[in-house]
Protein backbone atom coordinates (compact mmCIF):
# COMPACT_ATOMS: atom_id res chain seq x y z
CA UNK A 1 -33.13 40.94 -5.30
CA UNK A 2 -30.36 38.45 -6.05
CA UNK A 3 -27.72 41.04 -5.12
CA UNK A 4 -29.42 41.75 -1.77
CA UNK A 5 -29.57 38.02 -1.06
CA UNK A 6 -25.88 37.65 -1.78
CA UNK A 7 -25.01 40.60 0.49
CA UNK A 8 -27.10 39.07 3.24
CA UNK A 9 -25.25 35.79 2.81
CA UNK A 10 -21.93 37.55 3.23
CA UNK A 11 -23.04 39.18 6.51
CA UNK A 12 -24.44 35.90 7.77
CA UNK A 13 -21.20 34.18 6.84
CA UNK A 14 -19.14 36.67 8.85
CA UNK A 15 -21.48 36.41 11.84
CA UNK A 16 -21.68 32.63 11.94
CA UNK A 17 -18.23 31.65 10.69
CA UNK A 18 -16.91 30.70 14.13
CA UNK A 19 -20.08 28.81 15.00
CA UNK A 20 -19.96 26.84 11.76
CA UNK A 21 -16.46 25.64 12.52
CA UNK A 22 -17.55 24.25 15.88
CA UNK A 23 -20.49 22.14 14.81
CA UNK A 24 -18.98 18.83 15.86
CA UNK A 25 -15.55 19.55 17.33
CA UNK A 26 -13.18 22.36 18.13
CA UNK A 27 -10.58 23.55 15.63
CA UNK A 28 -7.06 24.12 16.95
CA UNK A 29 -3.46 24.40 15.86
CA UNK A 30 -2.23 22.60 18.99
CA UNK A 31 -1.82 19.00 17.89
CA UNK A 32 -0.34 16.16 19.89
CA UNK A 33 2.57 14.22 18.38
CA UNK A 34 0.32 11.15 18.39
CA UNK A 35 -1.47 12.56 15.35
CA UNK A 36 -1.03 12.33 11.61
CA UNK A 37 -1.18 15.94 10.43
CA UNK A 38 -2.16 16.78 6.85
CA UNK A 39 -1.65 20.43 5.88
CA UNK A 40 -2.41 22.60 2.86
CA UNK A 41 -5.69 21.01 1.84
CA UNK A 42 -7.15 23.55 -0.56
CA UNK A 43 -10.86 23.56 -1.46
CA UNK A 44 -12.81 26.09 -3.51
CA UNK A 45 -16.55 26.41 -4.14
CA UNK A 46 -18.77 29.02 -5.82
CA UNK A 47 -20.42 31.30 -3.24
CA UNK A 48 -24.04 30.73 -4.26
CA UNK A 49 -27.37 31.18 -2.51
CA UNK A 50 -27.33 27.62 -1.18
CA UNK A 51 -23.67 27.82 -0.17
CA UNK A 52 -22.93 25.58 2.84
CA UNK A 53 -19.53 26.00 4.47
CA UNK A 54 -19.88 22.74 6.38
CA UNK A 55 -20.04 20.83 3.10
CA UNK A 56 -16.84 22.55 1.96
CA UNK A 57 -15.11 21.58 5.21
CA UNK A 58 -16.41 18.00 4.82
CA UNK A 59 -14.90 17.87 1.35
CA UNK A 60 -11.60 18.99 2.87
CA UNK A 61 -11.78 16.16 5.43
CA UNK A 62 -12.29 13.61 2.64
CA UNK A 63 -9.37 15.01 0.66
CA UNK A 64 -7.11 15.09 3.74
CA UNK A 65 -7.94 11.46 4.52
CA UNK A 66 -7.23 10.46 0.92
CA UNK A 67 -3.88 12.27 1.11
CA UNK A 68 -2.99 10.51 4.36
CA UNK A 69 -3.89 7.07 2.97
CA UNK A 70 -1.79 7.74 -0.15
CA UNK A 71 1.14 8.53 2.13
CA UNK A 72 1.04 5.57 4.53
CA UNK A 73 -0.55 2.73 2.50
CA UNK A 74 0.95 0.83 -0.45
CA UNK A 75 -0.91 1.34 -3.73
CA UNK A 76 -2.32 -2.21 -3.85
CA UNK A 77 -4.05 -1.75 -0.46
CA UNK A 78 -5.52 1.67 -1.12
CA UNK A 79 -8.56 0.17 -2.86
CA UNK A 80 -9.56 -1.43 0.47
CA UNK A 81 -9.95 2.04 1.99
CA UNK A 82 -11.63 3.67 -1.01
CA UNK A 83 -15.21 3.43 0.30
CA UNK A 84 -14.55 4.95 3.73
CA UNK A 85 -17.60 6.96 4.75
CA UNK A 86 -17.47 10.60 5.83
CA UNK A 87 -18.79 9.71 9.31
CA UNK A 88 -15.93 7.22 9.76
CA UNK A 89 -13.40 9.83 8.63
CA UNK A 90 -14.79 12.40 11.07
CA UNK A 91 -14.54 9.84 13.87
CA UNK A 92 -10.78 9.62 13.29
CA UNK A 93 -10.16 13.37 13.21
CA UNK A 94 -8.61 14.83 16.33
CA UNK A 95 -8.72 18.47 15.31
CA UNK A 96 -8.59 20.76 12.32
CA UNK A 97 -7.64 24.35 11.60
CA UNK A 98 -8.50 26.88 8.95
CA UNK A 99 -5.16 28.22 7.76
CA UNK A 100 -6.61 30.70 5.28
CA UNK A 101 -9.94 31.57 3.73
CA UNK A 102 -10.88 34.17 1.14
CA UNK A 103 -13.46 35.20 -1.46
CA UNK A 104 -12.37 35.90 -5.01
CA UNK A 105 -14.89 36.54 -7.78
CA UNK A 106 -17.78 35.00 -5.82
CA UNK A 107 -15.71 31.91 -5.08
CA UNK A 108 -14.86 30.75 -1.56
CA UNK A 109 -11.34 29.40 -1.02
CA UNK A 110 -10.17 27.64 2.14
CA UNK A 111 -6.88 26.08 3.21
CA UNK A 112 -7.22 23.43 5.93
CA UNK A 113 -4.93 21.54 8.25
CA UNK A 114 -6.37 18.27 9.57
CA UNK A 115 -4.98 16.13 12.40
CA UNK A 116 -5.99 12.45 12.49
CA UNK A 117 -5.76 10.42 15.69
CA UNK A 118 -2.97 7.94 15.00
CA UNK A 119 -4.36 5.16 17.19
CA UNK A 120 -7.80 5.39 15.56
CA UNK A 121 -6.23 5.32 12.11
CA UNK A 122 -4.19 2.23 13.02
CA UNK A 123 -7.24 0.47 14.47
CA UNK A 124 -9.32 1.27 11.40
CA UNK A 125 -6.65 -0.03 9.02
CA UNK A 126 -6.07 -3.16 11.09
CA UNK A 127 -9.80 -3.95 10.83
CA UNK A 128 -9.39 -3.69 7.06
CA UNK A 129 -6.39 -6.06 7.22
CA UNK A 130 -4.10 -3.27 6.06
CA UNK A 131 -0.75 -2.45 7.66
CA UNK A 132 0.37 1.20 7.50
CA UNK A 133 3.87 2.55 7.15
CA UNK A 134 5.80 5.23 8.98
CA UNK A 135 5.54 8.29 6.68
CA UNK A 136 9.27 9.05 6.60
CA UNK A 137 10.55 11.41 3.94
CA UNK A 138 13.66 10.19 2.11
CA UNK A 139 16.07 11.49 -0.50
CA UNK A 140 17.52 9.10 -3.08
CA UNK A 141 20.12 9.56 -5.76
CA UNK A 142 18.46 8.41 -8.98
CA UNK A 143 20.48 7.32 -12.00
CA UNK A 144 18.33 6.25 -14.98
CA UNK A 145 20.16 4.64 -17.90
CA UNK A 146 18.59 3.58 -21.18
CA UNK A 147 20.22 0.58 -22.86
CA UNK A 148 19.32 0.15 -26.53
CA UNK A 149 19.83 -3.58 -26.99
CA UNK A 150 19.52 -3.48 -30.79
CA UNK A 151 22.66 -1.39 -31.22
CA UNK A 152 24.44 -1.79 -27.85
CA UNK A 153 24.01 1.89 -27.06
CA UNK A 154 23.84 3.58 -23.64
CA UNK A 155 21.85 6.78 -23.11
CA UNK A 156 22.36 8.71 -19.88
CA UNK A 157 22.09 12.21 -18.44
CA UNK A 158 20.73 14.99 -20.68
CA UNK A 159 20.24 12.73 -23.71
CA UNK A 160 17.94 10.50 -21.64
CA UNK A 161 14.24 11.49 -21.69
CA UNK A 162 13.58 9.73 -18.38
CA UNK A 163 16.40 11.73 -16.77
CA UNK A 164 15.11 15.00 -18.25
CA UNK A 165 11.48 14.50 -17.21
CA UNK A 166 11.82 12.68 -13.87
CA UNK A 167 11.24 15.63 -11.54
CA UNK A 168 8.77 17.45 -13.77
CA UNK A 169 5.70 16.19 -11.87
CA UNK A 170 5.57 15.29 -8.18
CA UNK A 171 2.56 14.49 -6.00
CA UNK A 172 2.20 16.13 -2.58
CA UNK A 173 1.71 12.67 -1.04
CA UNK A 174 5.08 11.40 -2.32
CA UNK A 175 7.57 10.54 0.41
CA UNK A 176 10.59 10.23 -1.87
CA UNK A 177 12.69 13.08 -3.19
CA UNK A 178 15.10 12.38 -6.03
CA UNK A 179 18.49 13.91 -6.65
CA UNK A 180 19.67 13.48 -10.23
CA UNK A 181 23.44 13.37 -10.80
CA UNK A 182 25.32 16.03 -12.72
CA UNK A 183 26.49 15.14 -16.19
CA UNK A 184 29.98 13.69 -15.86
CA UNK A 185 31.95 12.30 -18.80
CA UNK A 186 34.04 10.11 -16.49
CA UNK A 187 30.88 8.53 -15.10
CA UNK A 188 29.53 7.98 -18.60
CA UNK A 189 32.80 6.38 -19.65
CA UNK A 190 32.77 4.11 -16.54
CA UNK A 191 29.21 2.97 -17.31
CA UNK A 192 30.11 2.31 -20.97
CA UNK A 193 33.14 0.23 -19.98
CA UNK A 194 30.88 -2.02 -17.89
CA UNK A 195 28.20 -2.42 -20.55
CA UNK A 196 28.53 -6.21 -20.76
CA UNK A 197 28.10 -6.65 -16.99
CA UNK A 198 25.91 -3.65 -16.28
CA UNK A 199 23.21 -5.68 -14.48
CA UNK A 200 25.80 -6.71 -11.89
CA UNK A 201 27.70 -3.42 -11.71
CA UNK A 202 27.34 -1.82 -8.23
CA UNK A 203 27.71 1.86 -9.35
CA UNK A 204 29.36 2.77 -6.03
CA UNK A 205 32.10 4.77 -7.72
CA UNK A 206 29.37 7.05 -9.07
CA UNK A 207 26.88 7.20 -6.21
CA UNK A 208 29.48 7.86 -3.46
CA UNK A 209 30.19 11.31 -4.94
CA UNK A 210 26.84 12.67 -3.79
CA UNK A 211 27.02 12.01 -0.02
CA UNK A 212 23.81 9.99 -0.09
CA UNK A 213 23.73 6.52 1.41
CA UNK A 214 20.67 5.51 -0.60
CA UNK A 215 20.32 5.29 -4.35
CA UNK A 216 18.25 3.87 -7.17
CA UNK A 217 19.86 2.87 -10.45
CA UNK A 218 17.17 2.38 -13.09
CA UNK A 219 18.35 0.29 -16.03
CA UNK A 220 15.90 0.60 -18.92
CA UNK A 221 16.50 -2.15 -21.51
CA UNK A 222 14.88 -1.10 -24.80
CA UNK A 223 14.09 -3.60 -27.54
CA UNK A 224 11.99 -1.81 -30.17
CA UNK A 225 8.91 -0.68 -28.21
CA UNK A 226 9.26 -3.31 -25.49
CA UNK A 227 10.85 -2.19 -22.26
CA UNK A 228 12.37 -4.20 -19.41
CA UNK A 229 13.41 -2.22 -16.34
CA UNK A 230 15.80 -3.47 -13.69
CA UNK A 231 15.84 -1.19 -10.64
CA UNK A 232 18.77 -1.53 -8.28
CA UNK A 233 17.56 -0.04 -4.97
CA UNK A 234 20.20 0.50 -2.28
CA UNK A 235 19.05 1.37 1.26
CA UNK A 236 21.41 1.21 4.23
CA UNK A 237 23.88 -0.95 2.23
CA UNK A 238 21.14 -3.46 1.42
CA UNK A 239 20.53 -3.99 -2.30
CA UNK A 240 17.17 -5.06 -3.72
CA UNK A 241 16.50 -5.72 -7.40
CA UNK A 242 13.08 -5.00 -8.94
CA UNK A 243 12.07 -6.13 -12.44
CA UNK A 244 9.27 -4.56 -14.48
CA UNK A 245 8.19 -5.04 -18.08
CA UNK A 246 6.23 -2.75 -20.40
CA UNK A 247 5.10 -3.06 -24.00
CA UNK A 248 4.30 -0.46 -26.64
CA UNK A 249 6.36 2.26 -24.96
CA UNK A 250 7.91 4.95 -27.10
CA UNK A 251 10.72 6.62 -25.16
CA UNK A 252 10.54 9.61 -27.48
CA UNK A 253 6.86 10.21 -26.73
CA UNK A 254 6.14 12.69 -23.94
CA UNK A 255 2.95 10.94 -22.73
CA UNK A 256 4.61 7.52 -22.71
CA UNK A 257 7.55 8.88 -20.75
CA UNK A 258 5.22 10.52 -18.21
CA UNK A 259 3.23 7.29 -17.74
CA UNK A 260 6.41 5.24 -17.37
CA UNK A 261 7.86 7.64 -14.78
CA UNK A 262 4.61 7.57 -12.79
CA UNK A 263 4.65 3.75 -12.72
CA UNK A 264 8.25 3.73 -11.54
CA UNK A 265 7.56 6.31 -8.83
CA UNK A 266 4.64 4.20 -7.53
CA UNK A 267 6.95 1.16 -7.44
CA UNK A 268 9.64 3.03 -5.50
CA UNK A 269 7.14 4.64 -3.11
CA UNK A 270 5.61 1.21 -2.40
CA UNK A 271 8.99 -0.32 -1.71
CA UNK A 272 9.84 2.49 0.73
CA UNK A 273 6.49 2.04 2.49
CA UNK A 274 7.08 -1.71 2.81
CA UNK A 275 10.55 -0.97 4.19
CA UNK A 276 8.91 1.22 6.88
CA UNK A 277 5.80 -0.90 7.47
CA UNK A 278 4.34 -1.09 10.98
CA UNK A 279 2.96 -4.44 12.10
CA UNK A 280 0.07 -3.11 14.17
CA UNK A 281 -0.98 -6.67 15.04
CA UNK A 282 2.07 -6.80 17.35
CA UNK A 283 1.25 -5.01 20.59
CA UNK A 284 4.19 -5.70 22.88
CA UNK A 285 3.82 -4.48 26.49
CA UNK A 286 7.02 -2.94 27.82
CA UNK A 287 7.37 -1.91 31.46
CA UNK A 288 9.74 0.91 32.35
CA UNK A 289 10.57 2.85 35.49
CA UNK A 290 12.57 6.03 35.86
CA UNK A 291 13.62 8.46 38.55
CA UNK A 292 10.64 10.67 39.39
CA UNK A 293 12.92 13.39 40.78
CA UNK A 294 14.52 14.09 37.40
CA UNK A 295 11.81 16.27 35.87
CA UNK A 296 13.79 17.03 32.73
CA UNK A 297 14.37 13.34 32.02
CA UNK A 298 10.68 12.54 32.58
CA UNK A 299 9.63 15.33 30.20
CA UNK A 300 12.09 14.31 27.49
CA UNK A 301 11.17 10.64 27.86
CA UNK A 302 7.47 11.30 27.30
CA UNK A 303 8.26 13.66 24.43
CA UNK A 304 10.24 10.93 22.65
CA UNK A 305 7.52 8.33 23.29
CA UNK A 306 5.05 10.68 21.61
CA UNK A 307 7.31 11.08 18.58
CA UNK A 308 8.02 7.40 17.84
CA UNK A 309 5.47 6.07 15.35
CA UNK A 310 5.90 2.44 16.45
CA UNK A 311 4.63 3.29 19.93
CA UNK A 312 0.91 2.55 19.90
CA UNK A 313 0.26 3.96 23.39
CA UNK A 314 1.82 4.59 26.78
CA UNK A 315 0.55 5.49 30.22
CA UNK A 316 1.63 5.73 33.86
CA UNK A 317 0.88 2.57 35.83
CA UNK A 318 1.84 3.96 39.21
CA UNK A 319 4.35 6.19 40.96
CA UNK A 320 5.97 6.52 44.35
CA UNK A 321 8.33 9.01 45.94
CA UNK A 322 11.31 7.73 43.92
CA UNK A 323 10.02 6.32 40.63
CA UNK A 324 7.41 6.61 37.88
CA UNK A 325 6.30 3.31 36.33
CA UNK A 326 5.18 3.27 32.68
CA UNK A 327 3.55 0.70 30.47
CA UNK A 328 4.35 1.13 26.77
CA UNK A 329 2.50 -0.67 23.98
CA UNK A 330 4.95 -1.16 21.11
CA UNK A 331 4.29 -2.31 17.52
CA UNK A 332 7.51 -4.27 17.19
CA UNK A 333 10.16 -6.32 18.95
CA UNK A 334 12.08 -5.37 22.12
CA UNK A 335 15.32 -5.01 20.15
CA UNK A 336 13.74 -2.49 17.78
CA UNK A 337 12.41 -0.49 20.74
CA UNK A 338 15.82 -0.48 22.42
CA UNK A 339 17.53 0.62 19.21
CA UNK A 340 15.06 3.44 18.59
CA UNK A 341 15.46 4.68 22.15
CA UNK A 342 19.25 4.36 22.05
CA UNK A 343 19.24 6.56 18.93
CA UNK A 344 17.51 9.16 21.13
CA UNK A 345 20.15 8.71 23.89
CA UNK A 346 17.92 6.63 26.20
CA UNK A 347 19.55 3.44 27.52
CA UNK A 348 17.85 0.81 29.71
CA UNK A 349 18.89 -1.81 32.19
CA UNK A 350 16.84 -4.80 30.94
CA UNK A 351 17.83 -7.48 33.47
CA UNK A 352 14.39 -7.50 35.11
CA UNK A 353 10.86 -7.53 33.75
CA UNK A 354 10.57 -3.81 34.49
CA UNK A 355 13.33 -2.04 32.62
CA UNK A 356 15.15 0.82 34.33
CA UNK A 357 15.94 3.96 32.37
CA UNK A 358 19.54 4.81 33.17
């Protein structure tokens, strides 16, 4: 009897699978650039008599939203979003797609891609008094150095447990990728020669070898089991110093090292998010006109507007036989807008209230 019921469930699943995916909106792979897209959300559930695919999909929506929030919100603000209800999450979803689904040993597996409407996400976060960040991926050169203050000893490269374990665990929501330097005796000798002034040493002679403009030098001052960490973060030639303190940390203990690395990664992710934060409370109207006869320019212009995260919205105000007039709502200052557009090879004449795309 149970076997017949299970077989019936399989046939019903095949028959209704498309219908189940369309209960409240259509699933599609075609996603506008105005969306936050979260891919590779994997959910599995036992295929039992009371199996409900909609509940599995709902669980995927919750996980996708959690992933998105982890990517664009600093850790201290994530608690404000923790109690978001499923209905609210669904209201911010633009579309979703089933990338893969399969049955293995009476277990249903599904891989989802979920696209969230960017404007709705921004509005929701603003109501929670939370400012999101542009989810830009970034590669940093990371140089961790342990300084044993009791015996004036420096530990770097392969003898350093932080160095050895740094890239062992990485979360999918992490924006930062870390390149660890190769072991170089000249570098080690240079660091040792500057031991007495290491907190003020700029490390440029080491970092410039790796063709990365951005770096993090992590100085770990060890005094028995007390740890003080000075992080020297360099982004676009700007240097920021971050101080952290920990107690009862054993740098030879695998669990302690893992916990310490996780704390440091959260600190660096948060700093990068703050660096890329969007002030959604600023909604600057910008008026632009361009030649309506240049179809390629019009197409490329709208494509770029869709791609820039700081653009909250844009629309056509009017058009005539010679020009199209746009209004753009921008989460930033005019100078930032002009710089972003110049980087995309769009230059404006700004002498009048309505800027002219040249």
